[in-house]
Amino acid sequence: MTTIGSKRMFTVGLFMTGVTAILFGFLNLLPAGSLFFWASLVIRCLEALGDACFVTSSFAISAKCFPGRIATVVVSWANGSSRPGLGKE
């Protein structure tokens, strides 16, 4: 990330995640069988790579914006991302 930069990694990762999520929605147009399986596997792997890029760089950007409150940023992010799974708004 030091070579690419956190802002560029965030942008590329977010773009990659968005494009692959859209592509995954069109997989139902492929015929069932080996092609569908491998296409879905490759698209999900690329989506995971993009997600890893933008989530990791978002932590780096947050730590740079709030240098004295890194623990608060991490707890806020964890709380905000886990509450919808619990059925709370």
PDB file of N, CA and C in Angstrom:
ATOM      1  N   MET A   1       0.826  -1.184   0.000  1.00  0.00           N
ATOM      2  CA  MET A   1       0.000   0.000   0.000  1.00  0.00           C
ATOM      3  C   MET A   1       0.868   1.243   0.000  1.00  0.00           C
ATOM      4  N   THR A   2       2.082   1.142   0.480  1.00  0.00           N
ATOM      5  CA  THR A   2       2.943   2.317   0.497  1.00  0.00           C
ATOM      6  C   THR A   2       3.358   2.727  -0.910  1.00  0.00           C
ATOM      7  N   THR A   3       3.447   1.780  -1.819  1.00  0.00           N
ATOM      8  CA  THR A   3       3.815   2.101  -3.198  1.00  0.00           C
ATOM      9  C   THR A   3       2.648   2.718  -3.956  1.00  0.00           C
ATOM     10  N   ILE A   4       1.474   2.152  -3.785  1.00  0.00           N
ATOM     11  CA  ILE A   4       0.293   2.609  -4.526  1.00  0.00           C
ATOM     12  C   ILE A   4      -0.317   3.848  -3.884  1.00  0.00           C
ATOM     13  N   GLY A   5      -0.387   3.873  -2.584  1.00  0.00           N
ATOM     14  CA  GLY A   5      -1.042   4.956  -1.867  1.00  0.00           C
ATOM     15  C   GLY A   5      -2.421   4.522  -1.404  1.00  0.00           C
ATOM     16  N   SER A   6      -2.804   4.971  -0.230  1.00  0.00           N
ATOM     17  CA  SER A   6      -4.077   4.511   0.345  1.00  0.00           C
ATOM     18  C   SER A   6      -5.287   5.054  -0.403  1.00  0.00           C
ATOM     19  N   LYS A   7      -5.202   6.277  -0.907  1.00  0.00           N
ATOM     20  CA  LYS A   7      -6.358   6.828  -1.632  1.00  0.00           C
ATOM     21  C   LYS A   7      -6.594   6.088  -2.943  1.00  0.00           C
ATOM     22  N   ARG A   8      -5.521   5.808  -3.665  1.00  0.00           N
ATOM     23  CA  ARG A   8      -5.666   5.084  -4.930  1.00  0.00           C
ATOM     24  C   ARG A   8      -6.127   3.649  -4.680  1.00  0.00           C
ATOM     25  N   MET A   9      -5.603   3.037  -3.630  1.00  0.00           N
ATOM     26  CA  MET A   9      -6.019   1.667  -3.308  1.00  0.00           C
ATOM     27  C   MET A   9      -7.490   1.635  -2.915  1.00  0.00           C
ATOM     28  N   PHE A  10      -7.943   2.632  -2.190  1.00  0.00           N
ATOM     29  CA  PHE A  10      -9.347   2.717  -1.813  1.00  0.00           C
ATOM     30  C   PHE A  10     -10.227   2.833  -3.055  1.00  0.00           C
ATOM     31  N   THR A  11      -9.842   3.721  -3.967  1.00  0.00           N
ATOM     32  CA  THR A  11     -10.635   3.948  -5.175  1.00  0.00           C
ATOM     33  C   THR A  11     -10.670   2.706  -6.067  1.00  0.00           C
ATOM     34  N   VAL A  12      -9.516   2.108  -6.288  1.00  0.00           N
ATOM     35  CA  VAL A  12      -9.450   0.910  -7.131  1.00  0.00           C
ATOM     36  C   VAL A  12     -10.214  -0.244  -6.488  1.00  0.00           C
ATOM     37  N   GLY A  13     -10.061  -0.429  -5.190  1.00  0.00           N
ATOM     38  CA  GLY A  13     -10.766  -1.507  -4.506  1.00  0.00           C
ATOM     39  C   GLY A  13     -12.274  -1.328  -4.526  1.00  0.00           C
ATOM     40  N   LEU A  14     -12.724  -0.109  -4.321  1.00  0.00           N
ATOM     41  CA  LEU A  14     -14.159   0.162  -4.346  1.00  0.00           C
ATOM     42  C   LEU A  14     -14.724  -0.047  -5.749  1.00  0.00           C
ATOM     43  N   PHE A  15     -13.985   0.411  -6.762  1.00  0.00           N
ATOM     44  CA  PHE A  15     -14.418   0.213  -8.142  1.00  0.00           C
ATOM     45  C   PHE A  15     -14.463  -1.270  -8.495  1.00  0.00           C
ATOM     46  N   MET A  16     -13.425  -2.007  -8.096  1.00  0.00           N
ATOM     47  CA  MET A  16     -13.368  -3.434  -8.390  1.00  0.00           C
ATOM     48  C   MET A  16     -14.508  -4.182  -7.706  1.00  0.00           C
ATOM     49  N   THR A  17     -14.802  -3.832  -6.476  1.00  0.00           N
ATOM     50  CA  THR A  17     -15.893  -4.480  -5.757  1.00  0.00           C
ATOM     51  C   THR A  17     -17.236  -4.188  -6.420  1.00  0.00           C
ATOM     52  N   GLY A  18     -17.437  -2.949  -6.829  1.00  0.00           N
ATOM     53  CA  GLY A  18     -18.690  -2.589  -7.484  1.00  0.00           C
ATOM     54  C   GLY A  18     -18.892  -3.283  -8.818  1.00  0.00           C
ATOM     55  N   VAL A  19     -17.856  -3.304  -9.638  1.00  0.00           N
ATOM     56  CA  VAL A  19     -17.955  -3.939 -10.955  1.00  0.00           C
ATOM     57  C   VAL A  19     -18.193  -5.440 -10.823  1.00  0.00           C
ATOM     58  N   THR A  20     -17.471  -6.080  -9.922  1.00  0.00           N
ATOM     59  CA  THR A  20     -17.652  -7.523  -9.775  1.00  0.00           C
ATOM     60  C   THR A  20     -19.008  -7.875  -9.159  1.00  0.00           C
ATOM     61  N   ALA A  21     -19.536  -7.009  -8.311  1.00  0.00           N
ATOM     62  CA  ALA A  21     -20.878  -7.256  -7.768  1.00  0.00           C
ATOM     63  C   ALA A  21     -21.928  -7.172  -8.879  1.00  0.00           C
ATOM     64  N   ILE A  22     -21.749  -6.220  -9.788  1.00  0.00           N
ATOM     65  CA  ILE A  22     -22.665  -6.113 -10.930  1.00  0.00           C
ATOM     66  C   ILE A  22     -22.518  -7.323 -11.845  1.00  0.00           C
ATOM     67  N   LEU A  23     -21.267  -7.719 -12.108  1.00  0.00           N
ATOM     68  CA  LEU A  23     -21.039  -8.896 -12.952  1.00  0.00           C
ATOM     69  C   LEU A  23     -21.640 -10.153 -12.344  1.00  0.00           C
ATOM     70  N   PHE A  24     -21.578 -10.271 -11.038  1.00  0.00           N
ATOM     71  CA  PHE A  24     -22.147 -11.442 -10.376  1.00  0.00           C
ATOM     72  C   PHE A  24     -23.660 -11.502 -10.592  1.00  0.00           C
ATOM     73  N   GLY A  25     -24.288 -10.356 -10.716  1.00  0.00           N
ATOM     74  CA  GLY A  25     -25.727 -10.334 -10.976  1.00  0.00           C
ATOM     75  C   GLY A  25     -26.096 -10.848 -12.348  1.00  0.00           C
ATOM     76  N   PHE A  26     -25.163 -10.815 -13.288  1.00  0.00           N
ATOM     77  CA  PHE A  26     -25.432 -11.306 -14.634  1.00  0.00           C
ATOM     78  C   PHE A  26     -25.035 -12.769 -14.838  1.00  0.00           C
ATOM     79  N   LEU A  27     -24.573 -13.425 -13.804  1.00  0.00           N
ATOM     80  CA  LEU A  27     -24.160 -14.818 -13.944  1.00  0.00           C
ATOM     81  C   LEU A  27     -25.315 -15.750 -14.267  1.00  0.00           C
ATOM     82  N   ASN A  28     -26.524 -15.342 -13.949  1.00  0.00           N
ATOM     83  CA  ASN A  28     -27.665 -16.208 -14.248  1.00  0.00           C
ATOM     84  C   ASN A  28     -27.888 -16.359 -15.754  1.00  0.00           C
ATOM     85  N   LEU A  29     -27.245 -15.533 -16.551  1.00  0.00           N
ATOM     86  CA  LEU A  29     -27.361 -15.642 -18.005  1.00  0.00           C
ATOM     87  C   LEU A  29     -26.450 -16.726 -18.578  1.00  0.00           C
ATOM     88  N   LEU A  30     -25.501 -17.195 -17.785  1.00  0.00           N
ATOM     89  CA  LEU A  30     -24.606 -18.266 -18.237  1.00  0.00           C
ATOM     90  C   LEU A  30     -25.298 -19.617 -18.097  1.00  0.00           C
ATOM     91  N   PRO A  31     -24.929 -20.554 -18.964  1.00  0.00           N
ATOM     92  CA  PRO A  31     -25.522 -21.898 -18.826  1.00  0.00           C
ATOM     93  C   PRO A  31     -24.973 -22.605 -17.585  1.00  0.00           C
ATOM     94  N   ALA A  32     -25.789 -23.460 -17.030  1.00  0.00           N
ATOM     95  CA  ALA A  32     -25.371 -24.218 -15.849  1.00  0.00           C
ATOM     96  C   ALA A  32     -24.231 -25.154 -16.229  1.00  0.00           C
ATOM     97  N   GLY A  33     -23.359 -25.382 -15.271  1.00  0.00           N
ATOM     98  CA  GLY A  33     -22.263 -26.307 -15.520  1.00  0.00           C
ATOM     99  C   GLY A  33     -20.926 -25.721 -15.127  1.00  0.00           C
ATOM    100  N   SER A  34     -19.918 -26.183 -15.791  1.00  0.00           N
ATOM    101  CA  SER A  34     -18.542 -25.825 -15.454  1.00  0.00           C
ATOM    102  C   SER A  34     -18.265 -24.337 -15.670  1.00  0.00           C
ATOM    103  N   LEU A  35     -18.771 -23.779 -16.764  1.00  0.00           N
ATOM    104  CA  LEU A  35     -18.542 -22.357 -17.045  1.00  0.00           C
ATOM    105  C   LEU A  35     -19.139 -21.473 -15.957  1.00  0.00           C
ATOM    106  N   PHE A  36     -20.359 -21.789 -15.532  1.00  0.00           N
ATOM    107  CA  PHE A  36     -20.994 -21.017 -14.462  1.00  0.00           C
ATOM    108  C   PHE A  36     -20.202 -21.117 -13.173  1.00  0.00           C
ATOM    109  N   PHE A  37     -19.764 -22.311 -12.830  1.00  0.00           N
ATOM    110  CA  PHE A  37     -19.017 -22.518 -11.592  1.00  0.00           C
ATOM    111  C   PHE A  37     -17.726 -21.711 -11.585  1.00  0.00           C
ATOM    112  N   TRP A  38     -16.925 -21.836 -12.638  1.00  0.00           N
ATOM    113  CA  TRP A  38     -15.629 -21.149 -12.663  1.00  0.00           C
ATOM    114  C   TRP A  38     -15.781 -19.641 -12.777  1.00  0.00           C
ATOM    115  N   ALA A  39     -16.781 -19.184 -13.535  1.00  0.00           N
ATOM    116  CA  ALA A  39     -17.010 -17.744 -13.637  1.00  0.00           C
ATOM    117  C   ALA A  39     -17.424 -17.166 -12.284  1.00  0.00           C
ATOM    118  N   SER A  40     -18.308 -17.854 -11.570  1.00  0.00           N
ATOM    119  CA  SER A  40     -18.733 -17.353 -10.265  1.00  0.00           C
ATOM    120  C   SER A  40     -17.584 -17.377  -9.264  1.00  0.00           C
ATOM    121  N   LEU A  41     -16.738 -18.391  -9.346  1.00  0.00           N
ATOM    122  CA  LEU A  41     -15.596 -18.472  -8.443  1.00  0.00           C
ATOM    123  C   LEU A  41     -14.586 -17.343  -8.707  1.00  0.00           C
ATOM    124  N   VAL A  42     -14.288 -17.103  -9.964  1.00  0.00           N
ATOM    125  CA  VAL A  42     -13.339 -16.045 -10.320  1.00  0.00           C
ATOM    126  C   VAL A  42     -13.891 -14.668  -9.945  1.00  0.00           C
ATOM    127  N   ILE A  43     -15.164 -14.437 -10.224  1.00  0.00           N
ATOM    128  CA  ILE A  43     -15.758 -13.134  -9.908  1.00  0.00           C
ATOM    129  C   ILE A  43     -15.782 -12.901  -8.404  1.00  0.00           C
ATOM    130  N   ARG A  44     -16.128 -13.917  -7.634  1.00  0.00           N
ATOM    131  CA  ARG A  44     -16.143 -13.753  -6.172  1.00  0.00           C
ATOM    132  C   ARG A  44     -14.740 -13.537  -5.608  1.00  0.00           C
ATOM    133  N   CYS A  45     -13.751 -14.202  -6.183  1.00  0.00           N
ATOM    134  CA  CYS A  45     -12.364 -13.983  -5.730  1.00  0.00           C
ATOM    135  C   CYS A  45     -11.909 -12.565  -6.030  1.00  0.00           C
ATOM    136  N   LEU A  46     -12.250 -12.055  -7.211  1.00  0.00           N
ATOM    137  CA  LEU A  46     -11.902 -10.672  -7.543  1.00  0.00           C
ATOM    138  C   LEU A  46     -12.648  -9.681  -6.654  1.00  0.00           C
ATOM    139  N   GLU A  47     -13.892 -10.003  -6.322  1.00  0.00           N
ATOM    140  CA  GLU A  47     -14.648  -9.140  -5.417  1.00  0.00           C
ATOM    141  C   GLU A  47     -14.019  -9.122  -4.026  1.00  0.00           C
ATOM    142  N   ALA A  48     -13.571 -10.263  -3.567  1.00  0.00           N
ATOM    143  CA  ALA A  48     -12.905 -10.334  -2.263  1.00  0.00           C
ATOM    144  C   ALA A  48     -11.604  -9.548  -2.269  1.00  0.00           C
ATOM    145  N   LEU A  49     -10.875  -9.595  -3.369  1.00  0.00           N
ATOM    146  CA  LEU A  49      -9.640  -8.818  -3.482  1.00  0.00           C
ATOM    147  C   LEU A  49      -9.933  -7.324  -3.432  1.00  0.00           C
ATOM    148  N   GLY A  50     -10.944  -6.880  -4.172  1.00  0.00           N
ATOM    149  CA  GLY A  50     -11.328  -5.468  -4.144  1.00  0.00           C
ATOM    150  C   GLY A  50     -11.802  -5.037  -2.767  1.00  0.00           C
ATOM    151  N   ASP A  51     -12.571  -5.886  -2.112  1.00  0.00           N
ATOM    152  CA  ASP A  51     -13.055  -5.584  -0.766  1.00  0.00           C
ATOM    153  C   ASP A  51     -11.893  -5.471   0.220  1.00  0.00           C
ATOM    154  N   ALA A  52     -10.947  -6.380   0.109  1.00  0.00           N
ATOM    155  CA  ALA A  52      -9.777  -6.326   0.988  1.00  0.00           C
ATOM    156  C   ALA A  52      -8.982  -5.038   0.756  1.00  0.00           C
ATOM    157  N   CYS A  53      -8.897  -4.613  -0.492  1.00  0.00           N
ATOM    158  CA  CYS A  53      -8.170  -3.380  -0.801  1.00  0.00           C
ATOM    159  C   CYS A  53      -8.845  -2.165  -0.173  1.00  0.00           C
ATOM    160  N   PHE A  54     -10.149  -2.018  -0.378  1.00  0.00           N
ATOM    161  CA  PHE A  54     -10.761  -0.788   0.111  1.00  0.00           C
ATOM    162  C   PHE A  54     -11.011  -0.797   1.613  1.00  0.00           C
ATOM    163  N   VAL A  55     -11.222  -1.953   2.220  1.00  0.00           N
ATOM    164  CA  VAL A  55     -11.390  -1.984   3.677  1.00  0.00           C
ATOM    165  C   VAL A  55     -10.064  -1.700   4.379  1.00  0.00           C
ATOM    166  N   THR A  56      -8.990  -2.300   3.902  1.00  0.00           N
ATOM    167  CA  THR A  56      -7.676  -2.074   4.496  1.00  0.00           C
ATOM    168  C   THR A  56      -7.253  -0.623   4.345  1.00  0.00           C
ATOM    169  N   SER A  57      -7.455  -0.060   3.156  1.00  0.00           N
ATOM    170  CA  SER A  57      -7.058   1.330   2.957  1.00  0.00           C
ATOM    171  C   SER A  57      -7.965   2.292   3.719  1.00  0.00           C
ATOM    172  N   SER A  58      -9.213   1.918   3.956  1.00  0.00           N
ATOM    173  CA  SER A  58     -10.080   2.794   4.751  1.00  0.00           C
ATOM    174  C   SER A  58      -9.592   2.889   6.189  1.00  0.00           C
ATOM    175  N   PHE A  59      -9.055   1.794   6.716  1.00  0.00           N
ATOM    176  CA  PHE A  59      -8.462   1.859   8.056  1.00  0.00           C
ATOM    177  C   PHE A  59      -7.244   2.772   8.063  1.00  0.00           C
ATOM    178  N   ALA A  60      -6.422   2.694   7.034  1.00  0.00           N
ATOM    179  CA  ALA A  60      -5.235   3.549   6.961  1.00  0.00           C
ATOM    180  C   ALA A  60      -5.627   5.016   6.831  1.00  0.00           C
ATOM    181  N   ILE A  61      -6.630   5.307   6.027  1.00  0.00           N
ATOM    182  CA  ILE A  61      -7.093   6.689   5.867  1.00  0.00           C
ATOM    183  C   ILE A  61      -7.689   7.206   7.174  1.00  0.00           C
ATOM    184  N   SER A  62      -8.475   6.374   7.847  1.00  0.00           N
ATOM    185  CA  SER A  62      -9.067   6.779   9.123  1.00  0.00           C
ATOM    186  C   SER A  62      -8.002   7.027  10.185  1.00  0.00           C
ATOM    187  N   ALA A  63      -6.975   6.183  10.208  1.00  0.00           N
ATOM    188  CA  ALA A  63      -5.900   6.370  11.184  1.00  0.00           C
ATOM    189  C   ALA A  63      -5.121   7.646  10.909  1.00  0.00           C
ATOM    190  N   LYS A  64      -5.008   8.015   9.647  1.00  0.00           N
ATOM    191  CA  LYS A  64      -4.303   9.256   9.310  1.00  0.00           C
ATOM    192  C   LYS A  64      -5.154  10.479   9.653  1.00  0.00           C
ATOM    193  N   CYS A  65      -6.456  10.367   9.467  1.00  0.00           N
ATOM    194  CA  CYS A  65      -7.345  11.502   9.773  1.00  0.00           C
ATOM    195  C   CYS A  65      -7.522  11.716  11.271  1.00  0.00           C
ATOM    196  N   PHE A  66      -7.510  10.639  12.045  1.00  0.00           N
ATOM    197  CA  PHE A  66      -7.710  10.716  13.495  1.00  0.00           C
ATOM    198  C   PHE A  66      -6.563  10.007  14.207  1.00  0.00           C
ATOM    199  N   PRO A  67      -5.373  10.598  14.222  1.00  0.00           N
ATOM    200  CA  PRO A  67      -4.201   9.884  14.753  1.00  0.00           C
ATOM    201  C   PRO A  67      -4.273   9.571  16.245  1.00  0.00           C
ATOM    202  N   GLY A  68      -4.939  10.374  17.018  1.00  0.00           N
ATOM    203  CA  GLY A  68      -4.996  10.128  18.450  1.00  0.00           C
ATOM    204  C   GLY A  68      -6.179   9.295  18.888  1.00  0.00           C
ATOM    205  N   ARG A  69      -7.024   8.918  17.945  1.00  0.00           N
ATOM    206  CA  ARG A  69      -8.263   8.213  18.297  1.00  0.00           C
ATOM    207  C   ARG A  69      -8.461   6.969  17.430  1.00  0.00           C
ATOM    208  N   ILE A  70      -7.410   6.225  17.207  1.00  0.00           N
ATOM    209  CA  ILE A  70      -7.479   5.057  16.326  1.00  0.00           C
ATOM    210  C   ILE A  70      -8.413   3.994  16.906  1.00  0.00           C
ATOM    211  N   ALA A  71      -8.348   3.758  18.197  1.00  0.00           N
ATOM    212  CA  ALA A  71      -9.213   2.744  18.815  1.00  0.00           C
ATOM    213  C   ALA A  71     -10.687   3.128  18.676  1.00  0.00           C
ATOM    214  N   THR A  72     -10.995   4.402  18.814  1.00  0.00           N
ATOM    215  CA  THR A  72     -12.373   4.858  18.663  1.00  0.00           C
ATOM    216  C   THR A  72     -12.861   4.644  17.235  1.00  0.00           C
ATOM    217  N   VAL A  73     -11.999   4.907  16.269  1.00  0.00           N
ATOM    218  CA  VAL A  73     -12.367   4.699  14.868  1.00  0.00           C
ATOM    219  C   VAL A  73     -12.640   3.223  14.596  1.00  0.00           C
ATOM    220  N   VAL A  74     -11.802   2.343  15.082  1.00  0.00           N
ATOM    221  CA  VAL A  74     -11.975   0.904  14.849  1.00  0.00           C
ATOM    222  C   VAL A  74     -13.247   0.400  15.526  1.00  0.00           C
ATOM    223  N   VAL A  75     -13.493   0.840  16.753  1.00  0.00           N
ATOM    224  CA  VAL A  75     -14.699   0.402  17.466  1.00  0.00           C
ATOM    225  C   VAL A  75     -15.954   0.945  16.775  1.00  0.00           C
ATOM    226  N   SER A  76     -15.912   2.172  16.305  1.00  0.00           N
ATOM    227  CA  SER A  76     -17.054   2.742  15.596  1.00  0.00           C
ATOM    228  C   SER A  76     -17.339   1.977  14.314  1.00  0.00           C
ATOM    229  N   TRP A  77     -16.279   1.627  13.587  1.00  0.00           N
ATOM    230  CA  TRP A  77     -16.454   0.872  12.349  1.00  0.00           C
ATOM    231  C   TRP A  77     -17.011  -0.518  12.649  1.00  0.00           C
ATOM    232  N   ALA A  78     -16.494  -1.178  13.657  1.00  0.00           N
ATOM    233  CA  ALA A  78     -16.960  -2.526  14.003  1.00  0.00           C
ATOM    234  C   ALA A  78     -18.411  -2.487  14.475  1.00  0.00           C
ATOM    235  N   ASN A  79     -18.742  -1.494  15.272  1.00  0.00           N
ATOM    236  CA  ASN A  79     -20.111  -1.369  15.761  1.00  0.00           C
ATOM    237  C   ASN A  79     -21.065  -1.072  14.608  1.00  0.00           C
ATOM    238  N   GLY A  80     -20.670  -0.196  13.716  1.00  0.00           N
ATOM    239  CA  GLY A  80     -21.531   0.161  12.590  1.00  0.00           C
ATOM    240  C   GLY A  80     -21.716  -0.965  11.599  1.00  0.00           C
ATOM    241  N   SER A  81     -20.724  -1.825  11.452  1.00  0.00           N
ATOM    242  CA  SER A  81     -20.859  -2.912  10.485  1.00  0.00           C
ATOM    243  C   SER A  81     -21.495  -4.165  11.081  1.00  0.00           C
ATOM    244  N   SER A  82     -21.540  -4.278  12.387  1.00  0.00           N
ATOM    245  CA  SER A  82     -22.121  -5.479  12.983  1.00  0.00           C
ATOM    246  C   SER A  82     -23.578  -5.296  13.385  1.00  0.00           C
ATOM    247  N   ARG A  83     -24.019  -4.100  13.645  1.00  0.00           N
ATOM    248  CA  ARG A  83     -25.392  -3.882  14.098  1.00  0.00           C
ATOM    249  C   ARG A  83     -26.451  -4.294  13.072  1.00  0.00           C
ATOM    250  N   PRO A  84     -26.264  -4.037  11.771  1.00  0.00           N
ATOM    251  CA  PRO A  84     -27.303  -4.501  10.824  1.00  0.00           C
ATOM    252  C   PRO A  84     -27.476  -6.016  10.831  1.00  0.00           C
ATOM    253  N   GLY A  85     -26.403  -6.747  11.077  1.00  0.00           N
ATOM    254  CA  GLY A  85     -26.510  -8.202  11.137  1.00  0.00           C
ATOM    255  C   GLY A  85     -27.294  -8.680  12.340  1.00  0.00           C
ATOM    256  N   LEU A  86     -27.386  -7.850  13.357  1.00  0.00           N
ATOM    257  CA  LEU A  86     -28.145  -8.194  14.557  1.00  0.00           C
ATOM    258  C   LEU A  86     -29.602  -7.772  14.451  1.00  0.00           C
ATOM    259  N   GLY A  87     -29.957  -7.110  13.357  1.00  0.00           N
ATOM    260  CA  GLY A  87     -31.325  -6.663  13.158  1.00  0.00           C
ATOM    261  C   GLY A  87     -31.620  -5.323  13.790  1.00  0.00           C
ATOM    262  N   LYS A  88     -30.572  -4.564  14.113  1.00  0.00           N
ATOM    263  CA  LYS A  88     -30.772  -3.249  14.722  1.00  0.00           C
ATOM    264  C   LYS A  88     -30.396  -2.175  13.724  1.00  0.00           C
ATOM    265  N   GLU A  89     -31.042  -1.040  13.826  1.00  0.00           N
ATOM    266  CA  GLU A  89     -30.775   0.063  12.902  1.00  0.00           C
ATOM    267  C   GLU A  89     -29.673   0.945  13.400  1.00  0.00           C
TER     268      GLU A  89
END
